[in-house]
Amino acid sequence: MRMHVIVRGRVQGVGFRWFVREAARRRNVAGWVRNLPDGGVEVAAEGMDRDIESFRSQLATGPDGARVEALEDVSQDPADLARPFAIIR
């Protein structure tokens, strides 16, 4: 299963990308995360259905200090999914 989302809210400057990377690696999910200029965080991931569902649930919560307001699904298929999960700058 693949997932490509933009996370909206207070998600930059709170360790969100590192939180995402560790959540993905714990679930053996491939992909990447990066900050966007508009303040969102883009996440592309691929893994077993149950792992992606659990991972998406973690994204909706975020780390302490974050405030996730929305997960916006991106219609385009993510390219070049990294293994292990990586932070892209």
N, C-alpha and C. Protein backbone atom coordinates (compact mmCIF):
# COMPACT_ATOMS: atom_id res chain seq x y z
N MET A 1 0.85 -1.18 0.00
CA MET A 1 0.00 0.00 0.00
C MET A 1 0.90 1.24 0.00
N ARG A 2 0.49 2.24 -0.79
CA ARG A 2 1.22 3.51 -0.84
C ARG A 2 0.38 4.64 -0.25
N MET A 3 1.10 5.60 0.30
CA MET A 3 0.46 6.77 0.88
C MET A 3 1.29 7.99 0.52
N HIS A 4 0.64 9.07 0.13
CA HIS A 4 1.32 10.34 -0.17
C HIS A 4 0.43 11.44 0.36
N VAL A 5 0.88 12.14 1.42
CA VAL A 5 0.06 13.14 2.08
C VAL A 5 0.85 14.41 2.38
N ILE A 6 0.11 15.49 2.56
CA ILE A 6 0.64 16.73 3.11
C ILE A 6 0.02 16.86 4.49
N VAL A 7 0.87 17.04 5.50
CA VAL A 7 0.40 17.22 6.87
C VAL A 7 0.35 18.73 7.13
N ARG A 8 -0.81 19.21 7.57
CA ARG A 8 -1.02 20.63 7.82
C ARG A 8 -1.19 20.88 9.32
N GLY A 9 -0.81 22.07 9.74
CA GLY A 9 -0.93 22.47 11.14
C GLY A 9 0.40 23.01 11.62
N ARG A 10 0.63 22.90 12.91
CA ARG A 10 1.92 23.30 13.50
C ARG A 10 2.82 22.07 13.45
N VAL A 11 3.51 21.90 12.30
CA VAL A 11 4.28 20.68 12.08
C VAL A 11 5.73 20.95 11.67
N GLN A 12 6.14 22.20 11.69
CA GLN A 12 7.55 22.51 11.45
C GLN A 12 8.12 23.14 12.72
N GLY A 13 9.39 22.83 13.01
CA GLY A 13 10.03 23.37 14.19
C GLY A 13 9.68 22.64 15.47
N VAL A 14 9.08 21.45 15.35
CA VAL A 14 8.67 20.68 16.53
C VAL A 14 9.19 19.24 16.49
N GLY A 15 10.16 18.96 15.61
CA GLY A 15 10.71 17.61 15.49
C GLY A 15 9.81 16.65 14.73
N PHE A 16 8.92 17.19 13.91
CA PHE A 16 7.95 16.35 13.22
C PHE A 16 8.61 15.38 12.24
N ARG A 17 9.58 15.84 11.46
CA ARG A 17 10.22 14.95 10.47
C ARG A 17 10.93 13.79 11.16
N TRP A 18 11.60 14.04 12.27
CA TRP A 18 12.28 12.96 12.99
C TRP A 18 11.27 11.99 13.59
N PHE A 19 10.18 12.52 14.10
CA PHE A 19 9.09 11.69 14.61
C PHE A 19 8.56 10.77 13.51
N VAL A 20 8.34 11.33 12.31
CA VAL A 20 7.83 10.57 11.18
C VAL A 20 8.82 9.49 10.77
N ARG A 21 10.10 9.85 10.68
CA ARG A 21 11.11 8.87 10.28
C ARG A 21 11.15 7.69 11.25
N GLU A 22 11.14 7.97 12.53
CA GLU A 22 11.20 6.88 13.51
C GLU A 22 9.93 6.04 13.51
N ALA A 23 8.77 6.67 13.35
CA ALA A 23 7.51 5.92 13.27
C ALA A 23 7.52 5.00 12.06
N ALA A 24 8.05 5.47 10.94
CA ALA A 24 8.12 4.65 9.72
C ALA A 24 9.08 3.49 9.90
N ARG A 25 10.25 3.76 10.45
CA ARG A 25 11.25 2.70 10.61
C ARG A 25 10.78 1.62 11.56
N ARG A 26 10.04 2.00 12.60
CA ARG A 26 9.50 0.99 13.53
C ARG A 26 8.54 0.05 12.83
N ARG A 27 7.92 0.52 11.76
CA ARG A 27 6.93 -0.29 11.03
C ARG A 27 7.49 -0.87 9.73
N ASN A 28 8.78 -0.69 9.49
CA ASN A 28 9.44 -1.17 8.26
C ASN A 28 8.77 -0.58 7.01
N VAL A 29 8.46 0.71 7.08
CA VAL A 29 7.83 1.43 5.98
C VAL A 29 8.92 2.17 5.20
N ALA A 30 8.87 2.08 3.88
CA ALA A 30 9.81 2.80 3.01
C ALA A 30 9.23 4.17 2.69
N GLY A 31 10.10 5.13 2.36
CA GLY A 31 9.60 6.43 1.93
C GLY A 31 10.46 7.58 2.38
N TRP A 32 9.84 8.75 2.44
CA TRP A 32 10.56 9.96 2.82
C TRP A 32 9.60 11.00 3.38
N VAL A 33 10.21 12.00 4.04
CA VAL A 33 9.47 13.12 4.61
C VAL A 33 10.28 14.39 4.34
N ARG A 34 9.57 15.50 4.07
CA ARG A 34 10.27 16.77 3.88
C ARG A 34 9.35 17.94 4.24
N ASN A 35 10.00 19.04 4.67
CA ASN A 35 9.28 20.28 4.93
C ASN A 35 8.94 20.94 3.61
N LEU A 36 7.82 21.64 3.58
CA LEU A 36 7.41 22.42 2.43
C LEU A 36 7.51 23.91 2.75
N PRO A 37 7.75 24.73 1.74
CA PRO A 37 7.87 26.17 1.98
C PRO A 37 6.62 26.81 2.60
N ASP A 38 5.45 26.20 2.40
CA ASP A 38 4.21 26.78 2.93
C ASP A 38 3.91 26.39 4.38
N GLY A 39 4.85 25.68 5.02
CA GLY A 39 4.67 25.29 6.43
C GLY A 39 4.15 23.89 6.63
N GLY A 40 3.78 23.21 5.56
CA GLY A 40 3.33 21.82 5.65
C GLY A 40 4.49 20.86 5.63
N VAL A 41 4.20 19.60 5.84
CA VAL A 41 5.19 18.53 5.75
C VAL A 41 4.64 17.48 4.79
N GLU A 42 5.43 17.11 3.80
CA GLU A 42 5.04 16.11 2.80
C GLU A 42 5.61 14.76 3.20
N VAL A 43 4.78 13.73 3.12
CA VAL A 43 5.17 12.37 3.48
C VAL A 43 4.76 11.41 2.37
N ALA A 44 5.71 10.61 1.90
CA ALA A 44 5.43 9.54 0.94
C ALA A 44 5.89 8.24 1.56
N ALA A 45 5.05 7.22 1.52
CA ALA A 45 5.39 5.97 2.19
C ALA A 45 4.77 4.77 1.49
N GLU A 46 5.41 3.62 1.70
CA GLU A 46 4.90 2.37 1.14
C GLU A 46 5.23 1.25 2.12
N GLY A 47 4.26 0.35 2.29
CA GLY A 47 4.46 -0.79 3.17
C GLY A 47 3.23 -1.67 3.19
N MET A 48 3.22 -2.60 4.11
CA MET A 48 2.06 -3.47 4.29
C MET A 48 0.86 -2.63 4.71
N ASP A 49 -0.33 -3.04 4.30
CA ASP A 49 -1.55 -2.26 4.59
C ASP A 49 -1.66 -1.89 6.06
N ARG A 50 -1.52 -2.88 6.93
CA ARG A 50 -1.69 -2.62 8.37
C ARG A 50 -0.63 -1.65 8.89
N ASP A 51 0.59 -1.73 8.35
CA ASP A 51 1.67 -0.83 8.78
C ASP A 51 1.41 0.59 8.32
N ILE A 52 0.93 0.76 7.09
CA ILE A 52 0.62 2.10 6.58
C ILE A 52 -0.56 2.70 7.35
N GLU A 53 -1.56 1.90 7.66
CA GLU A 53 -2.70 2.40 8.43
C GLU A 53 -2.26 2.87 9.81
N SER A 54 -1.42 2.09 10.47
CA SER A 54 -0.89 2.47 11.78
C SER A 54 -0.01 3.72 11.68
N PHE A 55 0.81 3.78 10.64
CA PHE A 55 1.69 4.92 10.40
C PHE A 55 0.86 6.19 10.18
N ARG A 56 -0.17 6.09 9.37
CA ARG A 56 -1.03 7.25 9.09
C ARG A 56 -1.68 7.75 10.38
N SER A 57 -2.09 6.83 11.23
CA SER A 57 -2.67 7.21 12.51
C SER A 57 -1.67 7.99 13.36
N GLN A 58 -0.41 7.58 13.34
CA GLN A 58 0.64 8.30 14.07
C GLN A 58 0.84 9.70 13.50
N LEU A 59 0.78 9.83 12.17
CA LEU A 59 0.93 11.15 11.54
C LEU A 59 -0.18 12.10 12.01
N ALA A 60 -1.38 11.57 12.16
CA ALA A 60 -2.50 12.40 12.57
C ALA A 60 -2.36 12.90 14.00
N THR A 61 -1.54 12.23 14.79
CA THR A 61 -1.29 12.63 16.18
C THR A 61 -0.07 13.54 16.28
N GLY A 62 1.04 13.10 15.68
CA GLY A 62 2.28 13.87 15.73
C GLY A 62 2.96 13.80 17.08
N PRO A 63 4.14 14.40 17.17
CA PRO A 63 4.89 14.41 18.43
C PRO A 63 4.36 15.49 19.38
N ASP A 64 4.84 15.46 20.62
CA ASP A 64 4.52 16.52 21.57
C ASP A 64 4.95 17.85 20.96
N GLY A 65 4.14 18.86 21.10
CA GLY A 65 4.46 20.17 20.56
C GLY A 65 3.87 20.43 19.18
N ALA A 66 3.49 19.38 18.49
CA ALA A 66 2.87 19.54 17.16
C ALA A 66 1.36 19.65 17.32
N ARG A 67 0.73 20.24 16.31
CA ARG A 67 -0.73 20.30 16.26
C ARG A 67 -1.12 19.99 14.81
N VAL A 68 -1.52 18.76 14.59
CA VAL A 68 -1.92 18.35 13.24
C VAL A 68 -3.36 18.74 13.02
N GLU A 69 -3.58 19.54 11.97
CA GLU A 69 -4.93 19.99 11.65
C GLU A 69 -5.55 19.18 10.52
N ALA A 70 -4.72 18.65 9.62
CA ALA A 70 -5.27 17.89 8.49
C ALA A 70 -4.19 17.04 7.83
N LEU A 71 -4.62 15.92 7.25
CA LEU A 71 -3.79 15.11 6.36
C LEU A 71 -4.45 15.20 4.99
N GLU A 72 -3.78 15.85 4.05
CA GLU A 72 -4.32 16.02 2.71
C GLU A 72 -3.71 14.97 1.79
N ASP A 73 -4.54 14.12 1.23
CA ASP A 73 -4.04 13.11 0.29
C ASP A 73 -3.60 13.79 -1.00
N VAL A 74 -2.45 13.37 -1.51
CA VAL A 74 -1.90 13.87 -2.77
C VAL A 74 -2.22 12.82 -3.82
N SER A 75 -2.77 13.25 -4.95
CA SER A 75 -3.20 12.31 -5.96
C SER A 75 -2.06 11.69 -6.76
N GLN A 76 -0.95 12.41 -6.89
CA GLN A 76 0.16 11.86 -7.67
C GLN A 76 0.90 10.79 -6.88
N ASP A 77 1.40 9.82 -7.58
CA ASP A 77 2.15 8.72 -6.96
C ASP A 77 3.53 9.23 -6.56
N PRO A 78 3.98 8.96 -5.35
CA PRO A 78 5.31 9.41 -4.94
C PRO A 78 6.40 8.66 -5.71
N ALA A 79 7.46 9.35 -6.01
CA ALA A 79 8.59 8.74 -6.73
C ALA A 79 9.73 8.47 -5.76
N ASP A 80 10.55 7.52 -6.12
CA ASP A 80 11.80 7.26 -5.40
C ASP A 80 11.62 7.11 -3.89
N LEU A 81 10.91 6.08 -3.49
CA LEU A 81 10.74 5.81 -2.07
C LEU A 81 12.02 5.21 -1.49
N ALA A 82 12.51 5.79 -0.42
CA ALA A 82 13.78 5.38 0.18
C ALA A 82 13.59 4.28 1.21
N ARG A 83 14.56 3.42 1.31
CA ARG A 83 14.62 2.42 2.38
C ARG A 83 16.04 2.40 2.89
N PRO A 84 16.30 2.68 4.17
CA PRO A 84 15.28 2.98 5.17
C PRO A 84 14.68 4.36 4.95
N PHE A 85 13.56 4.59 5.61
CA PHE A 85 12.81 5.84 5.50
C PHE A 85 13.78 7.01 5.75
N ALA A 86 13.67 8.06 4.93
CA ALA A 86 14.64 9.16 4.98
C ALA A 86 13.99 10.52 5.14
N ILE A 87 14.75 11.44 5.71
CA ILE A 87 14.37 12.83 5.77
C ILE A 87 15.05 13.51 4.58
N ILE A 88 14.26 14.20 3.77
CA ILE A 88 14.79 14.91 2.60
C ILE A 88 14.82 16.39 2.94
N ARG A 89 15.90 17.02 2.59
CA ARG A 89 16.01 18.46 2.85
C ARG A 89 15.87 19.24 1.60
